[in-house]
Protein backbone atom coordinates (compact mmCIF):
# COMPACT_ATOMS: atom_id res chain seq x y z
CA MET A 1 0.76 4.04 -2.34
CA ALA A 2 4.42 4.96 -2.48
CA TYR A 3 5.94 7.93 -4.24
CA ALA A 4 8.87 8.50 -6.61
CA LYS A 5 9.35 5.67 -9.09
CA GLY A 6 12.72 6.97 -10.28
CA LEU A 7 14.52 6.54 -6.97
CA ALA A 8 15.13 2.86 -7.65
CA HIS A 9 17.18 3.77 -10.72
CA LYS A 10 19.52 6.31 -9.08
CA GLU A 11 23.20 5.53 -8.76
CA GLN A 12 23.89 4.13 -5.31
CA ALA A 13 27.67 4.80 -5.17
CA ARG A 14 27.40 8.04 -3.18
CA GLY A 15 25.32 6.87 -0.25
CA GLY A 16 22.63 9.00 1.25
CA PHE A 17 19.05 8.79 2.39
CA TYR A 18 15.54 9.17 1.03
CA LEU A 19 12.52 10.97 2.32
CA LEU A 20 9.97 8.50 0.98
CA THR A 21 6.31 9.42 1.16
CA ILE A 22 3.92 6.51 1.62
CA LEU A 23 0.18 6.57 2.27
CA LEU A 24 -0.10 3.66 4.71
CA THR A 25 -3.76 3.92 5.64
CA PRO A 26 -5.70 4.99 2.55
CA GLU A 27 -9.41 5.70 2.62
CA SER A 28 -9.70 4.71 -1.04
CA LYS A 29 -10.81 1.15 -1.60
CA GLY A 30 -9.96 -0.97 -4.62
CA THR A 31 -11.45 -4.21 -5.84
CA VAL A 32 -10.29 -7.71 -6.74
CA ARG A 33 -12.69 -9.65 -8.96
CA LEU A 34 -12.49 -12.92 -10.81
CA ALA A 35 -11.96 -12.40 -14.52
CA SER A 36 -12.98 -15.94 -15.35
CA THR A 37 -14.03 -19.22 -13.81
CA ASP A 38 -10.70 -20.56 -15.10
CA PRO A 39 -8.30 -20.49 -12.09
CA ARG A 40 -5.33 -19.93 -14.44
CA VAL A 41 -6.67 -16.51 -15.52
CA ASP A 42 -5.39 -13.56 -13.48
CA PRO A 43 -8.02 -11.67 -11.50
CA CYS A 44 -9.12 -8.13 -12.35
CA ILE A 45 -7.45 -5.79 -9.85
CA ASP A 46 -8.50 -2.14 -9.63
CA LEU A 47 -6.29 -0.42 -7.05
CA ASN A 48 -8.42 2.75 -7.20
CA TYR A 49 -5.59 4.91 -5.88
CA LEU A 50 -6.45 8.33 -4.50
CA ALA A 51 -10.17 7.98 -5.25
CA ALA A 52 -10.98 9.42 -1.81
CA PRO A 53 -10.28 13.17 -1.71
CA ALA A 54 -8.77 12.81 1.77
CA ASP A 55 -6.02 10.57 0.35
CA SER A 56 -4.92 13.22 -2.15
CA ALA A 57 -4.99 15.88 0.55
CA ARG A 58 -2.81 13.74 2.85
CA ILE A 59 -0.29 13.01 0.08
CA ARG A 60 -0.09 16.72 -0.83
CA HIS A 61 0.42 17.64 2.83
CA VAL A 62 3.19 15.12 3.49
CA LEU A 63 4.96 15.88 0.19
CA ARG A 64 5.06 19.56 1.10
CA LEU A 65 6.34 18.63 4.57
CA THR A 66 9.11 16.35 3.28
CA THR A 67 10.11 18.97 0.72
CA ARG A 68 10.37 21.59 3.48
CA ILE A 69 12.47 19.18 5.56
CA ALA A 70 14.81 18.63 2.60
CA GLU A 71 15.05 22.38 1.98
CA CYS A 72 15.86 22.95 5.66
CA LEU A 73 18.60 20.30 5.54
CA GLY A 74 19.98 21.90 2.38
CA SER A 75 20.07 25.33 4.03
CA GLN A 76 22.10 23.78 6.87
CA GLY A 77 24.82 22.71 4.47
CA TYR A 78 23.81 19.15 3.61
CA ASP A 79 24.58 18.36 -0.02
CA LEU A 80 21.24 16.98 -1.16
CA GLU A 81 20.44 15.86 -4.67
CA ARG A 82 16.84 16.64 -5.38
CA ALA A 83 14.91 13.67 -6.70
CA GLU A 84 11.64 14.05 -8.57
CA ALA A 85 10.16 16.24 -5.83
CA PRO A 86 8.51 19.54 -6.81
CA PRO A 87 9.09 22.77 -4.86
CA ALA A 88 7.26 23.02 -1.51
CA ASP A 89 5.17 26.00 -2.65
CA VAL A 90 3.80 24.40 -5.84
CA ASP A 91 0.03 24.68 -6.37
CA GLY A 92 -2.27 21.72 -5.63
CA VAL A 93 -3.11 20.94 -9.26
CA THR A 94 0.56 20.71 -10.22
CA LEU A 95 1.30 18.63 -7.13
CA ASP A 96 -1.58 16.25 -7.92
CA LYS A 97 -0.26 15.83 -11.48
CA HIS A 98 3.20 15.14 -10.07
CA VAL A 99 1.79 12.48 -7.70
CA SER A 100 -0.16 10.94 -10.59
CA ASP A 101 2.99 10.79 -12.75
CA GLN A 102 5.37 9.56 -10.02
CA GLY A 103 3.15 7.53 -7.70
CA CYS A 104 3.58 3.79 -7.54
CA THR A 105 2.58 0.92 -5.30
CA THR A 106 4.56 -0.92 -2.68
CA TYR A 107 2.72 -4.10 -3.77
CA HIS A 108 1.76 -5.27 -0.32
CA TYR A 109 -1.84 -6.08 -1.07
CA ALA A 110 -4.00 -6.46 2.02
CA SER A 111 -7.61 -6.37 3.15
CA THR A 112 -9.05 -7.52 -0.17
CA CYS A 113 -11.31 -10.23 1.27
CA ALA A 114 -13.91 -8.90 3.70
CA ARG A 115 -14.65 -10.97 6.79
CA GLY A 116 -18.37 -11.55 7.03
CA PRO A 117 -19.42 -11.50 3.39
CA ALA A 118 -16.46 -13.64 2.24
CA PHE A 119 -15.48 -15.80 5.22
CA GLY A 120 -16.23 -16.43 8.86
CA HIS A 121 -14.19 -16.80 12.05
CA ASP A 122 -13.15 -20.30 10.97
CA LEU A 123 -11.57 -18.64 7.90
CA ILE A 124 -13.55 -20.88 5.52
CA PHE A 125 -14.48 -19.05 2.35
CA ARG A 126 -18.28 -18.83 2.09
CA GLY A 127 -19.81 -21.33 -0.32
CA THR A 128 -16.97 -23.84 0.04
CA ARG A 129 -16.25 -26.64 2.51
CA ASN A 130 -12.47 -26.49 2.95
CA LEU A 131 -11.11 -23.39 1.21
CA ARG A 132 -9.65 -21.14 3.89
CA VAL A 133 -8.44 -17.56 3.71
CA ALA A 134 -4.98 -17.46 5.31
CA ASP A 135 -3.12 -14.48 3.90
CA ALA A 136 -3.02 -10.68 4.07
CA SER A 137 -6.32 -10.45 2.18
CA ALA A 138 -8.01 -11.50 5.44
CA LEU A 139 -6.80 -8.45 7.38
CA PRO A 140 -9.84 -6.30 8.28
CA GLU A 141 -7.91 -3.06 7.59
CA VAL A 142 -4.63 -2.22 5.91
CA PRO A 143 -2.15 -1.93 8.81
CA ALA A 144 0.08 1.12 9.14
CA ALA A 145 3.08 -1.21 9.12
CA HIS A 146 4.57 -4.02 7.09
CA ILE A 147 1.97 -6.77 6.63
CA GLN A 148 4.28 -9.72 7.34
CA ALA A 149 3.61 -10.05 11.09
CA PRO A 150 -0.20 -9.81 10.92
CA THR A 151 -0.18 -12.26 8.00
CA VAL A 152 1.79 -14.75 10.08
CA VAL A 153 -0.84 -14.36 12.81
CA PHE A 154 -3.63 -15.18 10.32
CA THR A 155 -1.80 -18.19 8.94
CA GLN A 156 -1.12 -19.44 12.48
CA LYS A 157 -4.80 -19.00 13.37
CA CYS A 158 -5.76 -20.93 10.24
CA ALA A 159 -3.37 -23.74 11.18
CA ASP A 160 -4.73 -23.80 14.74
CA VAL A 161 -8.34 -23.93 13.50
CA MET A 162 -7.48 -26.74 11.09
CA LEU A 163 -5.73 -28.75 13.82
CA TYR A 164 -8.50 -28.13 16.34
CA LYS A 165 -11.30 -29.03 13.93
CA GLY A 166 -9.34 -31.89 12.38
CA TRP A 167 -9.32 -30.03 9.02
C-alpha cells in the first residue's frame, strides 16, 4: 500500500523530493476469486488493506518518522511544502483516518496464487493439463522490492520447464 494520492497532481515545475511511505511486506492478505465462469468477466479482487493490526501500526510508525524527518529538514532551512501529511504528534485514530483517506495502491499485485493448492513445481495450474502460472501471482511472498525481476525468474522457469518437458 502506498500513501498520499494527491502527490501525483502537484505541480512539478519547482523540483523537489518526496518522502513516500509504502508498506512493502504487509501481513494482511487479500483475495482474488472468479466472478463468473465467463473468462471475459473481471475477477473479484478484495485487497483487504490494513486488515492485520500490525500493518496499521507499521504505517503509523513510519508516517510519524517521515513527518519528523521533514520537520527536521524544515528546521534546518529547507523550504519544504507540506503535502497531505498530518503533524507528527497526531493521535492514532486521526492518523488511521488520514491513512484511510489518503492511502492507495501501487498496483503491483503479487502472491495471489498459492503454490501447493493452486499449482505445483511444474507451474501447471491444478485441474488443468497445460495452463501454467508464469507471473507475479506465483511468488510465494510479496517481495520487499519491485516485482519485475522475480517475475522474470518465474517466466524463465516456466519456459525452461516447457522446453524440457516438450510442453
